[in-house]
Amino acid sequence: MVNATAAEPKPHTLDDVMMAMDVVDTLRHREDLVRRELDETGREAELIARLKEIYRDQGIEVPDRVLEQGVKALKESRFTYVPQPPSWKRTLLGLWARRGTVARRAGLAILAALVLWGVYYFAIARPAEEARRSTLIETTEALPKAIRLAHADVQAVAAEAAPRQKADALLEDGERAIRDADLAAMRRIRAALVQLRDELAMEYTLTIVSAPGETTGVWRRPPGWLQSRNYYLIVEAVTADGRKLPLPIRNEETGETKTVGTFGVRVPQETYAAVAQDKRDDGIVQKNRFGVKRRGRLSVDYLMPFDGGAITDWQ
């Protein structure tokens, strides 16, 4: 009768397991030895003998069965950590393990995104939207209303046919621009009607300048005419309450238009001489009213002969 207890394998103790792990670790650090011995069939016994000699040199006696377990464990990759292959579960577990870092990074990313969105919205998107809305209102409401209102004002204040006809022509062009949603044309026409209205509303007297130290008249040679002279009286536009109005004046010598407070009007030599004599009498020009601009009219009613030219510079 066979003894059953004799056939049972001897149980492994914790010391055996720890020693086997040490054997595996030693083998891993002696890769040249392992590679040479394990790559050849039948050399496992020699490897165990070598290991036993290595431990004996260290003063450690390791049983053969423990060495055999270590070699076997190395072959089977026991005591070796093998990471799990990539998967969504592994990813989630990794994120959960690093949740503090992930949360901080996510918070910073969200904050950066909010800052960028705020900059884009307030610096680009919102101003662009407001500009589009403003342009739409200007095109469909403000400018059409302003054009028609300015035309009505011109018709109400005009005292002669010419400005009314000019306003009608501008309104016709304006209505066409409104239909075409031509913003530039609408602005230009509105400005022309407003200027026409303001010119009609102005009232002033062209007064010859005669204050002490100021020039009352000058003569000049026309460009290219060395033997001719043009005579000018220096005038200014004065309102009924004494305000001096700057006016846009075209300089006949240069062709440029400037808005000035005083300017020279070309007159016949006889008129120039008469004004000069008037000033010589007492230093003051008694008859100093050169012309009158009345409300509702574009033209000036001249009270003295006027040859139709003007200058803005005579220095």
Protein backbone atom coordinates (compact mmCIF):
# COMPACT_ATOMS: atom_id res chain seq x y z
CA MET A 1 0.00 0.00 0.00
CA VAL A 2 1.41 3.37 -1.13
CA ASN A 3 1.79 6.03 1.50
CA ALA A 4 -0.51 8.93 0.31
CA THR A 5 1.21 11.50 2.42
CA ALA A 6 4.56 10.70 0.84
CA ALA A 7 3.19 11.55 -2.65
CA GLU A 8 1.78 14.94 -1.65
CA PRO A 9 4.04 17.90 -2.63
CA LYS A 10 5.59 19.78 0.20
CA PRO A 11 3.74 23.07 0.70
CA HIS A 12 5.61 26.27 -0.16
CA THR A 13 6.43 28.53 2.74
CA LEU A 14 6.57 32.32 2.58
CA ASP A 15 10.34 32.15 2.87
CA ASP A 16 10.48 29.91 -0.20
CA VAL A 17 8.32 32.32 -2.18
CA MET A 18 10.42 35.30 -1.16
CA MET A 19 13.58 33.43 -2.04
CA ALA A 20 12.14 32.44 -5.43
CA MET A 21 11.36 36.11 -6.08
CA ASP A 22 14.93 36.99 -5.21
CA VAL A 23 16.15 34.31 -7.61
CA VAL A 24 14.04 35.81 -10.39
CA ASP A 25 15.40 39.24 -9.60
CA THR A 26 18.94 37.92 -9.71
CA LEU A 27 18.28 36.27 -13.04
CA ARG A 28 16.91 39.51 -14.44
CA HIS A 29 20.12 41.29 -13.47
CA ARG A 30 22.19 38.55 -15.11
CA GLU A 31 20.55 38.71 -18.53
CA ASP A 32 23.69 37.54 -20.30
CA LEU A 33 23.78 34.39 -18.19
CA VAL A 34 20.07 33.66 -18.60
CA ARG A 35 20.13 34.25 -22.33
CA ARG A 36 23.09 31.97 -22.86
CA GLU A 37 21.87 29.10 -20.65
CA LEU A 38 18.14 29.12 -21.35
CA ASP A 39 18.52 29.47 -25.10
CA GLU A 40 20.13 26.03 -25.21
CA THR A 41 18.06 22.96 -24.44
CA GLY A 42 19.26 20.94 -21.48
CA ARG A 43 21.31 23.73 -19.95
CA GLU A 44 18.78 24.54 -17.21
CA ALA A 45 20.64 22.31 -14.73
CA GLU A 46 23.89 24.19 -15.38
CA LEU A 47 22.03 27.50 -14.83
CA ILE A 48 20.75 26.25 -11.48
CA ALA A 49 24.25 25.15 -10.56
CA ARG A 50 25.64 28.56 -11.41
CA LEU A 51 22.90 30.25 -9.36
CA LYS A 52 23.65 28.02 -6.42
CA GLU A 53 27.31 28.96 -6.68
CA ILE A 54 26.39 32.72 -6.82
CA TYR A 55 24.31 32.43 -3.63
CA ARG A 56 26.97 30.26 -1.94
CA ASP A 57 29.55 32.99 -2.61
CA GLN A 58 27.22 35.33 -0.69
CA GLY A 59 27.00 32.89 2.21
CA ILE A 60 23.45 31.83 1.38
CA GLU A 61 22.39 28.20 0.97
CA VAL A 62 19.41 27.96 -1.39
CA PRO A 63 17.74 24.60 -1.91
CA ASP A 64 17.61 23.27 -5.45
CA ARG A 65 13.81 23.27 -5.45
CA VAL A 66 13.75 27.01 -4.72
CA LEU A 67 16.22 27.66 -7.53
CA GLU A 68 14.10 25.49 -9.83
CA GLN A 69 11.00 27.49 -8.84
CA GLY A 70 12.81 30.75 -9.58
CA VAL A 71 13.91 29.61 -13.03
CA LYS A 72 10.42 28.31 -13.74
CA ALA A 73 8.87 31.60 -12.54
CA LEU A 74 11.19 33.54 -14.85
CA LYS A 75 10.12 31.40 -17.80
CA GLU A 76 6.47 31.90 -16.90
CA SER A 77 7.00 35.68 -16.29
CA ARG A 78 5.71 35.39 -12.76
CA PHE A 79 6.57 38.20 -10.35
CA THR A 80 6.63 40.46 -13.43
CA TYR A 81 4.18 43.33 -13.79
CA VAL A 82 2.56 43.38 -17.20
CA PRO A 83 0.40 46.48 -17.74
CA GLN A 84 -3.13 46.02 -19.01
CA PRO A 85 -3.65 46.77 -22.71
CA PRO A 86 -5.23 50.15 -23.53
CA SER A 87 -9.03 50.26 -23.12
CA TRP A 88 -11.75 52.73 -22.22
CA LYS A 89 -11.98 51.25 -18.73
CA ARG A 90 -8.25 51.70 -18.19
CA THR A 91 -8.52 55.28 -19.43
CA LEU A 92 -11.38 56.05 -17.05
CA LEU A 93 -9.55 54.50 -14.13
CA GLY A 94 -6.45 56.51 -14.96
CA LEU A 95 -8.45 59.72 -15.11
CA TRP A 96 -10.11 58.90 -11.80
CA ALA A 97 -6.73 58.23 -10.20
CA ARG A 98 -5.48 61.62 -11.44
CA ARG A 99 -8.79 63.42 -10.90
CA GLY A 100 -7.23 66.29 -8.96
CA THR A 101 -4.73 67.13 -11.69
CA VAL A 102 -7.31 66.52 -14.42
CA ALA A 103 -9.80 68.81 -12.65
CA ARG A 104 -7.24 71.62 -12.34
CA ARG A 105 -6.22 71.32 -15.96
CA ALA A 106 -9.83 71.17 -17.09
CA GLY A 107 -10.64 74.23 -14.98
CA LEU A 108 -7.72 76.16 -16.49
CA ALA A 109 -8.75 75.08 -19.99
CA ILE A 110 -12.33 76.19 -19.39
CA LEU A 111 -11.15 79.50 -17.93
CA ALA A 112 -8.86 80.09 -20.93
CA ALA A 113 -11.70 79.25 -23.30
CA LEU A 114 -14.01 81.69 -21.49
CA VAL A 115 -11.38 84.43 -21.64
CA LEU A 116 -10.81 83.85 -25.36
CA TRP A 117 -14.55 83.79 -26.00
CA GLY A 118 -14.96 87.04 -24.03
CA VAL A 119 -12.18 88.75 -25.97
CA TYR A 120 -13.62 87.57 -29.28
CA TYR A 121 -17.18 88.54 -28.36
CA PHE A 122 -16.49 91.97 -26.88
CA ALA A 123 -13.64 92.96 -29.21
CA ILE A 124 -14.81 91.48 -32.51
CA ALA A 125 -18.23 89.84 -32.64
CA ARG A 126 -20.23 92.39 -30.64
CA PRO A 127 -18.77 95.52 -32.33
CA ALA A 128 -19.30 93.89 -35.74
CA GLU A 129 -22.91 93.02 -34.88
CA GLU A 130 -23.55 96.53 -33.57
CA ALA A 131 -22.01 98.01 -36.72
CA ARG A 132 -24.24 95.82 -38.90
CA ARG A 133 -27.30 96.78 -36.86
CA SER A 134 -26.38 100.47 -36.99
CA THR A 135 -25.82 100.31 -40.75
CA LEU A 136 -29.16 98.57 -41.26
CA ILE A 137 -31.00 101.19 -39.21
CA GLU A 138 -29.18 103.99 -41.00
CA THR A 139 -29.98 102.52 -44.42
CA THR A 140 -33.63 101.65 -43.83
CA GLU A 141 -34.74 104.32 -41.35
CA ALA A 142 -32.41 107.17 -40.42
CA LEU A 143 -31.12 108.25 -43.85
CA PRO A 144 -34.44 107.98 -45.73
CA LYS A 145 -36.10 110.07 -43.02
CA ALA A 146 -33.24 112.61 -42.98
CA ILE A 147 -33.27 112.99 -46.79
CA ARG A 148 -37.02 113.60 -46.95
CA LEU A 149 -36.96 115.95 -43.96
CA ALA A 150 -34.11 118.03 -45.40
CA HIS A 151 -35.95 118.26 -48.71
CA ALA A 152 -39.09 119.46 -46.92
CA ASP A 153 -37.03 122.07 -45.02
CA VAL A 154 -35.55 123.39 -48.26
CA GLN A 155 -39.00 123.67 -49.83
CA ALA A 156 -40.27 125.51 -46.77
CA VAL A 157 -37.45 128.08 -46.58
CA ALA A 158 -36.65 128.63 -50.29
CA ALA A 159 -37.82 131.99 -51.62
CA GLU A 160 -36.91 131.32 -55.26
CA ALA A 161 -37.36 128.54 -57.79
CA ALA A 162 -33.71 127.54 -58.28
CA PRO A 163 -33.10 126.01 -54.82
CA ARG A 164 -36.46 124.22 -54.95
CA GLN A 165 -35.58 122.62 -58.27
CA LYS A 166 -32.16 121.64 -56.96
CA ALA A 167 -33.77 120.06 -53.87
CA ASP A 168 -36.26 118.13 -56.04
CA ALA A 169 -33.43 116.72 -58.16
CA LEU A 170 -31.53 115.67 -55.03
CA LEU A 171 -34.65 114.02 -53.58
CA GLU A 172 -35.16 112.04 -56.78
CA ASP A 173 -31.59 110.78 -56.60
CA GLY A 174 -32.11 110.05 -52.91
CA GLU A 175 -35.21 107.93 -53.49
CA ARG A 176 -33.30 105.91 -56.07
CA ALA A 177 -30.45 105.38 -53.60
CA ILE A 178 -32.97 104.31 -50.93
CA ARG A 179 -34.45 101.69 -53.25
CA ASP A 180 -30.96 100.40 -54.10
CA ALA A 181 -29.84 100.52 -50.43
CA ASP A 182 -26.84 102.56 -51.64
CA LEU A 183 -25.51 103.80 -48.30
CA ALA A 184 -22.72 105.98 -49.72
CA ALA A 185 -25.08 107.72 -52.16
CA MET A 186 -27.68 108.28 -49.44
CA ARG A 187 -25.11 109.91 -47.17
CA ARG A 188 -23.85 112.13 -49.97
CA ILE A 189 -27.36 113.27 -50.93
CA ARG A 190 -28.37 113.90 -47.32
CA ALA A 191 -25.25 116.06 -46.86
CA ALA A 192 -26.02 118.03 -50.05
CA LEU A 193 -29.61 118.71 -48.97
CA VAL A 194 -28.51 119.77 -45.47
CA GLN A 195 -25.90 122.12 -46.94
CA LEU A 196 -28.51 123.59 -49.29
CA ARG A 197 -30.93 124.08 -46.39
CA ASP A 198 -28.26 125.76 -44.25
CA GLU A 199 -27.21 128.08 -47.07
CA LEU A 200 -30.79 129.14 -47.61
CA ALA A 201 -31.28 129.79 -43.90
CA MET A 202 -28.25 132.06 -43.60
CA GLU A 203 -28.64 135.81 -43.42
CA TYR A 204 -25.67 138.18 -43.43
CA THR A 205 -24.24 141.36 -44.86
CA LEU A 206 -20.96 141.49 -46.76
CA THR A 207 -19.19 144.37 -45.04
CA ILE A 208 -16.02 146.07 -46.26
CA VAL A 209 -13.25 145.77 -43.65
CA SER A 210 -12.04 149.20 -42.46
CA ALA A 211 -10.90 148.78 -38.86
CA PRO A 212 -7.54 150.38 -37.96
CA GLY A 213 -4.60 148.19 -38.95
CA GLU A 214 -6.66 146.06 -41.36
CA THR A 215 -6.38 146.02 -45.14
CA THR A 216 -9.42 147.41 -46.97
CA GLY A 217 -8.34 146.73 -50.54
CA VAL A 218 -5.51 145.31 -52.64
CA TRP A 219 -4.60 145.09 -56.29
CA ARG A 220 -2.87 142.09 -57.85
CA ARG A 221 -1.56 141.10 -61.24
CA PRO A 222 -3.38 138.10 -62.70
CA PRO A 223 -1.13 135.05 -63.24
CA GLY A 224 0.51 135.42 -66.68
CA TRP A 225 -0.61 139.05 -67.18
CA LEU A 226 2.24 141.39 -66.26
CA GLN A 227 0.53 144.58 -67.50
CA SER A 228 -2.92 143.97 -65.99
CA ARG A 229 -4.30 144.57 -62.53
CA ASN A 230 -7.19 143.09 -60.61
CA TYR A 231 -8.69 145.17 -57.80
CA TYR A 232 -10.17 143.60 -54.69
CA LEU A 233 -12.08 144.89 -51.67
CA ILE A 234 -11.61 142.88 -48.48
CA VAL A 235 -14.99 141.90 -47.00
CA GLU A 236 -16.44 139.74 -44.21
CA ALA A 237 -19.90 138.22 -43.61
CA VAL A 238 -21.59 139.73 -40.55
CA THR A 239 -24.94 138.60 -39.13
CA ALA A 240 -27.63 140.88 -37.76
CA ASP A 241 -26.40 140.24 -34.22
CA GLY A 242 -22.79 141.09 -35.10
CA ARG A 243 -21.39 137.55 -35.51
CA LYS A 244 -18.82 137.00 -38.24
CA LEU A 245 -19.53 133.96 -40.43
CA PRO A 246 -16.78 131.94 -42.12
CA LEU A 247 -17.75 131.11 -45.70
CA PRO A 248 -16.40 128.64 -48.28
CA ILE A 249 -14.72 130.78 -50.93
CA ARG A 250 -13.05 129.69 -54.16
CA ASN A 251 -9.77 131.45 -54.83
CA GLU A 252 -9.79 132.38 -58.52
CA GLU A 253 -5.98 132.50 -58.63
CA THR A 254 -5.40 128.95 -57.33
CA GLY A 255 -8.74 127.22 -57.91
CA GLU A 256 -8.80 126.06 -54.27
CA THR A 257 -11.82 126.49 -51.99
CA LYS A 258 -11.22 127.48 -48.38
CA THR A 259 -13.54 128.38 -45.53
CA VAL A 260 -12.39 131.84 -44.40
CA GLY A 261 -13.64 134.75 -42.32
CA THR A 262 -12.37 137.48 -44.66
CA PHE A 263 -11.81 137.38 -48.40
CA GLY A 264 -11.30 139.69 -51.34
CA VAL A 265 -14.00 140.38 -53.95
CA ARG A 266 -12.92 141.63 -57.38
CA VAL A 267 -14.39 144.99 -58.35
CA PRO A 268 -13.88 147.55 -61.13
CA GLN A 269 -11.04 150.03 -60.63
CA GLU A 270 -13.55 152.86 -60.20
CA THR A 271 -15.27 151.12 -57.28
CA TYR A 272 -11.90 150.35 -55.70
CA ALA A 273 -10.86 154.01 -56.02
CA ALA A 274 -14.16 155.28 -54.58
CA VAL A 275 -13.82 153.06 -51.48
CA ALA A 276 -10.17 154.14 -51.09
CA GLN A 277 -11.25 157.82 -51.18
CA ASP A 278 -14.03 157.13 -48.66
CA LYS A 279 -11.49 155.69 -46.23
CA ARG A 280 -8.99 158.53 -46.74
CA ASP A 281 -11.55 161.08 -45.59
CA ASP A 282 -11.61 159.97 -41.94
CA GLY A 283 -10.00 156.52 -41.79
CA ILE A 284 -13.38 154.80 -41.93
CA VAL A 285 -15.35 153.43 -44.89
CA GLN A 286 -18.78 155.03 -44.46
CA LYS A 287 -20.44 153.13 -47.30
CA ASN A 288 -19.22 149.70 -46.21
CA ARG A 289 -22.14 147.46 -47.23
CA PHE A 290 -20.99 145.52 -50.26
CA GLY A 291 -23.89 143.03 -50.48
CA VAL A 292 -26.74 141.37 -48.59
CA LYS A 293 -27.56 137.66 -48.34
CA ARG A 294 -31.24 137.21 -47.45
CA ARG A 295 -32.94 134.17 -45.95
CA GLY A 296 -34.42 131.79 -48.53
CA ARG A 297 -32.04 132.86 -51.28
CA LEU A 298 -28.74 131.37 -52.42
CA SER A 299 -27.36 134.44 -54.15
CA VAL A 300 -26.11 137.69 -52.63
CA ASP A 301 -27.75 140.98 -53.63
CA TYR A 302 -24.72 143.13 -54.39
CA LEU A 303 -24.95 146.80 -53.53
CA MET A 304 -21.74 147.68 -55.43
CA PRO A 305 -20.37 146.57 -58.79
CA PHE A 306 -18.88 143.06 -58.58
CA ASP A 307 -16.78 141.40 -61.28
CA GLY A 308 -17.46 137.86 -60.01
CA GLY A 309 -14.05 136.74 -58.69
CA ALA A 310 -12.58 136.31 -55.21
CA ILE A 311 -9.29 135.58 -53.47
CA THR A 312 -8.58 134.08 -50.05
CA ASP A 313 -4.92 135.12 -49.73
CA TRP A 314 -3.34 138.46 -50.54
CA GLN A 315 -0.24 138.56 -48.37
